[in-house]
Amino acid sequence: VIDARAWTPPPVFAWLARVGAVAPEEMLRVFNCGIGMAVVVAAESADAATALLTEQGETVCRLGVIEAGAGEAQVRIDNLGAGWPG
């Protein structure tokens, strides 16, 4: 589960969405929207991973969580308003 409020996409993505009339869901399907790398760690290791990456000069934001579910794995984007990413 990714929280769309967890990061602020660079302005170029708002421009692309506006000029191209691209829906938020399609923006996230096609573009990285400013997320260059994702690291998945156990919840109990998140603080240590954040500290290590920050010490190495990386900008860290916690994008979401992994939740158990039934059936095929899927990605859910929460808080994805109609004006996102602008």
Protein backbone atom coordinates (compact mmCIF):
# COMPACT_ATOMS: atom_id res chain seq x y z
CA VAL A 1 0.00 0.00 0.00
CA ILE A 2 1.58 3.25 -1.15
CA ASP A 3 0.55 6.58 0.36
CA ALA A 4 0.56 9.25 -2.37
CA ARG A 5 1.04 11.91 0.34
CA ALA A 6 4.37 10.39 1.41
CA TRP A 7 6.44 12.37 -1.12
CA THR A 8 6.21 15.43 -3.33
CA PRO A 9 6.86 14.65 -6.99
CA PRO A 10 9.16 17.08 -8.82
CA PRO A 11 7.24 19.81 -10.70
CA VAL A 12 7.89 18.23 -14.10
CA PHE A 13 5.43 15.45 -13.26
CA ALA A 14 2.62 17.92 -12.51
CA TRP A 15 3.40 19.58 -15.84
CA LEU A 16 3.30 16.24 -17.69
CA ALA A 17 0.00 15.32 -16.05
CA ARG A 18 -1.56 18.69 -16.86
CA VAL A 19 -0.26 19.15 -20.42
CA GLY A 20 -0.81 15.53 -21.39
CA ALA A 21 -4.15 15.22 -19.54
CA VAL A 22 -2.74 12.10 -17.86
CA ALA A 23 -4.75 10.59 -14.99
CA PRO A 24 -2.97 10.12 -11.65
CA GLU A 25 -3.15 6.32 -11.88
CA GLU A 26 -1.56 6.42 -15.35
CA MET A 27 1.16 8.81 -14.15
CA LEU A 28 2.16 6.27 -11.51
CA ARG A 29 1.96 3.35 -13.93
CA VAL A 30 4.17 5.00 -16.56
CA PHE A 31 6.54 7.32 -14.66
CA ASN A 32 8.54 6.99 -11.44
CA CYS A 33 7.13 10.38 -10.31
CA GLY A 34 10.30 11.18 -8.42
CA ILE A 35 10.85 7.85 -6.69
CA GLY A 36 14.26 6.77 -7.92
CA MET A 37 14.69 3.71 -5.74
CA ALA A 38 12.52 1.73 -3.36
CA VAL A 39 13.93 -0.35 -0.53
CA VAL A 40 11.72 -2.87 1.24
CA VAL A 41 12.69 -3.79 4.80
CA ALA A 42 10.97 -5.36 7.78
CA ALA A 43 9.04 -2.82 9.88
CA GLU A 44 11.40 -3.33 12.82
CA SER A 45 14.37 -2.43 10.58
CA ALA A 46 12.89 0.71 9.03
CA ASP A 47 14.50 3.20 11.44
CA ALA A 48 17.95 1.64 11.04
CA ALA A 49 17.62 1.52 7.24
CA THR A 50 16.49 5.15 7.18
CA ALA A 51 19.44 6.21 9.32
CA LEU A 52 21.94 4.28 7.19
CA LEU A 53 20.62 5.64 3.90
CA THR A 54 20.45 9.20 5.25
CA GLU A 55 24.07 8.94 6.47
CA GLN A 56 25.02 7.98 2.90
CA GLY A 57 23.38 11.12 1.52
CA GLU A 58 20.10 9.63 0.32
CA THR A 59 16.76 11.36 0.75
CA VAL A 60 14.42 8.91 2.47
CA CYS A 61 10.65 8.88 2.68
CA ARG A 62 8.49 6.01 3.84
CA LEU A 63 6.12 5.30 0.99
CA GLY A 64 3.88 2.72 2.56
CA VAL A 65 3.52 -0.76 3.96
CA ILE A 66 3.06 -4.32 2.82
CA GLU A 67 -0.26 -5.82 3.91
CA ALA A 68 -1.37 -9.42 3.77
CA GLY A 69 -4.15 -10.09 1.34
CA ALA A 70 -6.02 -12.83 -0.42
CA GLY A 71 -5.53 -13.70 -4.05
CA GLU A 72 -3.09 -12.15 -6.49
CA ALA A 73 -0.62 -9.56 -5.21
CA GLN A 74 -1.50 -6.00 -6.12
CA VAL A 75 -0.40 -2.44 -5.47
CA ARG A 76 -2.89 -0.07 -3.86
CA ILE A 77 -2.33 3.68 -3.91
CA ASP A 78 -4.04 5.55 -1.08
CA ASN A 79 -4.69 9.31 -0.96
CA LEU A 80 -4.40 9.75 -4.70
CA GLY A 81 -6.56 12.82 -5.25
CA ALA A 82 -7.74 14.05 -8.64
CA GLY A 83 -5.18 16.90 -8.53
CA TRP A 84 -2.21 14.62 -7.89
CA PRO A 85 0.68 15.21 -8.60
CA GLY A 86 0.04 18.96 -8.81
